[in-house]
Amino acid sequence: MIHSAGMACTFERIPSAPPIPKGVKVAFVKTLPSLVRLTTERRQRHHQGRNLLARLNVQRVRCFSATADGLPVGETELFLVAGVAGIYNVEVLRPYRRRGIGSLLLHSALQHAKQLGYRIATLGATGMGQCLYEHSGFEEVCKLSFWKYPKTHARNLA
C-alpha cells in the first residue's frame, strides 16, 4: 500500500510566478509529447490514453508541456470538474529537475484555472513533490492510500 498527501489550496494563497529558467518555455498543448521512449505496451497505452482523454474532454482537461531549448522536458495535466481544479502528473525529466521547471508548470496550470474562474485546486502529492506544492500554497488536508501491485502481478492478470 502506498500513502501520499492529499493537498489543496485556495487561489489567494498562490505565490507570484517563479523565475523562468533560461531556455525554458511552458505552453498549453492539445497533445502531450512523450517524455520517455515508449518502449513497452504499457507506456504506449498510458501515453495514448492521456492524449485521448485530453482530446475528448477539451472543456475539462488541459495539458501543459515544458520545453528546454525546444526539447520536451516536463508536463502536467489540469482537470476542471465540479468547481475544482485538479492537478495531475507533474513530471520533469530527471536531468532537468531542481531548476524550477516543476514550479513553472504548476504555476502555469494554476494561473490558467484562475483565469477560468476557479478558486480551489487539489492534488495528490508524492514524497518528491510535496515540498514543491507546499511552497506553491498547498497544504495537506488528508492522507490518500492505494494499492500498487508489482509488475509481476500485472503480468499474471493478463
Protein backbone atom coordinates (compact mmCIF):
# COMPACT_ATOMS: atom_id res chain seq x y z
CA MET A 1 0.00 0.00 0.00
CA ILE A 2 1.20 3.47 -0.88
CA HIS A 3 0.33 6.56 1.16
CA SER A 4 0.52 10.14 -0.07
CA ALA A 5 -0.69 13.55 0.99
CA GLY A 6 -3.96 14.91 -0.37
CA MET A 7 -3.36 18.63 -0.74
CA ALA A 8 -5.47 21.69 -1.55
CA CYS A 9 -5.09 25.44 -1.88
CA THR A 10 -7.20 28.47 -2.48
CA PHE A 11 -6.02 30.68 -5.27
CA GLU A 12 -5.44 33.58 -2.88
CA ARG A 13 -2.52 31.57 -1.45
CA ILE A 14 -0.70 31.08 -4.75
CA PRO A 15 2.62 32.96 -4.71
CA SER A 16 3.76 35.13 -7.60
CA ALA A 17 5.19 33.49 -10.69
CA PRO A 18 8.54 31.72 -10.23
CA PRO A 19 11.52 32.89 -12.30
CA ILE A 20 11.63 31.33 -15.75
CA PRO A 21 14.77 29.23 -16.23
CA LYS A 22 16.85 30.18 -19.27
CA GLY A 23 15.68 28.45 -22.45
CA VAL A 24 12.53 27.03 -20.80
CA LYS A 25 9.02 27.58 -22.09
CA VAL A 26 5.69 26.27 -20.81
CA ALA A 27 2.76 26.07 -23.17
CA PHE A 28 -0.82 24.84 -23.19
CA VAL A 29 -0.84 21.92 -25.66
CA LYS A 30 -3.59 19.79 -27.17
CA THR A 31 -1.48 16.63 -27.04
CA LEU A 32 1.36 15.80 -24.70
CA PRO A 33 4.70 14.88 -26.24
CA SER A 34 6.30 11.74 -24.90
CA LEU A 35 8.96 12.49 -22.30
CA VAL A 36 10.36 8.96 -22.44
CA ARG A 37 10.70 6.42 -25.21
CA LEU A 38 7.51 4.41 -25.48
CA THR A 39 9.31 1.08 -25.41
CA THR A 40 6.64 -1.01 -23.69
CA GLU A 41 2.99 -1.59 -24.45
CA ARG A 42 2.11 -0.22 -21.01
CA ARG A 43 3.92 3.07 -21.71
CA GLN A 44 2.37 3.31 -25.17
CA ARG A 45 -1.17 2.75 -23.88
CA HIS A 46 -0.69 5.14 -20.95
CA HIS A 47 0.51 7.87 -23.30
CA GLN A 48 -2.30 7.22 -25.80
CA GLY A 49 -4.90 7.25 -23.01
CA ARG A 50 -3.77 10.59 -21.61
CA ASN A 51 -3.88 12.23 -25.03
CA LEU A 52 -7.24 10.69 -25.88
CA LEU A 53 -8.69 11.98 -22.62
CA ALA A 54 -7.41 15.48 -23.40
CA ARG A 55 -8.87 15.42 -26.92
CA LEU A 56 -12.28 14.09 -25.81
CA ASN A 57 -12.67 16.42 -22.82
CA VAL A 58 -11.38 19.70 -24.20
CA GLN A 59 -13.51 21.72 -21.76
CA ARG A 60 -12.33 19.77 -18.70
CA VAL A 61 -8.78 18.61 -19.40
CA ARG A 62 -5.88 20.92 -20.17
CA CYS A 63 -2.31 19.78 -20.79
CA PHE A 64 0.83 21.83 -20.26
CA SER A 65 4.24 20.97 -21.66
CA ALA A 66 7.62 22.39 -20.67
CA THR A 67 10.46 22.54 -23.17
CA ALA A 68 14.11 23.38 -22.64
CA ASP A 69 15.78 24.65 -25.79
CA GLY A 70 12.95 23.08 -27.79
CA LEU A 71 13.11 19.60 -26.21
CA PRO A 72 10.14 18.33 -24.13
CA VAL A 73 11.32 18.02 -20.51
CA GLY A 74 8.18 18.28 -18.37
CA GLU A 75 4.41 18.12 -18.32
CA THR A 76 1.29 18.35 -16.20
CA GLU A 77 -2.44 17.99 -16.60
CA LEU A 78 -5.23 20.18 -15.26
CA PHE A 79 -8.70 18.67 -14.74
CA LEU A 80 -11.53 21.18 -14.31
CA VAL A 81 -14.52 19.47 -12.70
CA ALA A 82 -17.21 20.41 -10.15
CA GLY A 83 -15.70 23.83 -9.49
CA VAL A 84 -12.31 22.40 -8.52
CA ALA A 85 -9.03 22.46 -10.46
CA GLY A 86 -7.25 19.11 -10.10
CA ILE A 87 -3.53 18.96 -10.83
CA TYR A 88 -2.22 15.62 -12.07
CA ASN A 89 1.07 14.15 -13.23
CA VAL A 90 3.50 16.99 -12.64
CA GLU A 91 6.57 15.40 -14.18
CA VAL A 92 10.01 16.69 -15.07
CA LEU A 93 12.75 14.53 -16.56
CA ARG A 94 15.48 13.71 -14.06
CA PRO A 95 18.32 15.74 -15.69
CA TYR A 96 16.11 18.86 -15.63
CA ARG A 97 14.83 18.64 -12.05
CA ARG A 98 15.59 21.22 -9.36
CA ARG A 99 15.74 24.05 -11.92
CA GLY A 100 12.26 25.49 -11.32
CA ILE A 101 10.55 23.74 -14.22
CA GLY A 102 8.08 21.87 -11.99
CA SER A 103 7.21 25.14 -10.22
CA LEU A 104 6.68 26.84 -13.56
CA LEU A 105 4.43 24.03 -14.83
CA LEU A 106 2.36 24.10 -11.64
CA HIS A 107 2.06 27.87 -11.66
CA SER A 108 1.03 27.90 -15.35
CA ALA A 109 -1.75 25.36 -14.73
CA LEU A 110 -2.98 27.22 -11.63
CA GLN A 111 -2.98 30.59 -13.41
CA HIS A 112 -4.95 29.07 -16.28
CA ALA A 113 -7.56 27.70 -13.86
CA LYS A 114 -7.73 31.03 -12.02
CA GLN A 115 -8.36 32.89 -15.31
CA LEU A 116 -11.27 30.50 -15.95
CA GLY A 117 -12.79 31.43 -12.58
CA TYR A 118 -11.69 28.51 -10.41
CA ARG A 119 -10.80 29.28 -6.79
CA ILE A 120 -9.67 25.93 -5.36
CA ALA A 121 -7.07 23.42 -6.53
CA THR A 122 -6.32 19.90 -5.30
CA LEU A 123 -3.67 17.27 -5.93
CA GLY A 124 -2.15 14.10 -4.57
CA ALA A 125 1.49 14.64 -3.61
CA THR A 126 4.29 12.15 -3.81
CA GLY A 127 7.13 12.49 -1.35
CA MET A 128 9.23 14.01 -4.12
CA GLY A 129 6.71 16.75 -4.94
CA GLN A 130 5.23 17.64 -1.56
CA CYS A 131 7.77 20.35 -0.76
CA LEU A 132 7.18 22.00 -4.16
CA TYR A 133 3.44 22.04 -3.53
CA GLU A 134 3.81 23.47 -0.03
CA HIS A 135 5.95 26.32 -1.42
CA SER A 136 3.20 26.91 -4.01
CA GLY A 137 0.48 27.48 -1.40
CA PHE A 138 -0.88 23.94 -0.96
CA GLU A 139 -1.45 22.36 2.43
CA GLU A 140 -2.14 18.77 3.38
CA VAL A 141 -5.84 18.14 4.02
CA CYS A 142 -5.94 14.32 4.09
CA LYS A 143 -3.99 11.12 3.51
CA LEU A 144 -4.52 9.12 0.34
CA SER A 145 -3.87 5.37 0.36
CA PHE A 146 -3.96 2.96 -2.53
CA TRP A 147 -2.62 -0.41 -3.56
CA LYS A 148 0.21 -0.63 -6.05
CA TYR A 149 0.86 -4.04 -7.44
CA PRO A 150 4.30 -5.11 -8.65
CA LYS A 151 4.83 -5.56 -12.38
CA THR A 152 4.87 -9.35 -11.96
CA HIS A 153 1.31 -9.21 -10.56
CA ALA A 154 0.08 -7.30 -13.61
CA ARG A 155 1.58 -9.92 -15.94
CA ASN A 156 -0.23 -12.68 -14.04
CA LEU A 157 -3.58 -10.91 -14.52
CA ALA A 158 -3.20 -10.67 -18.31
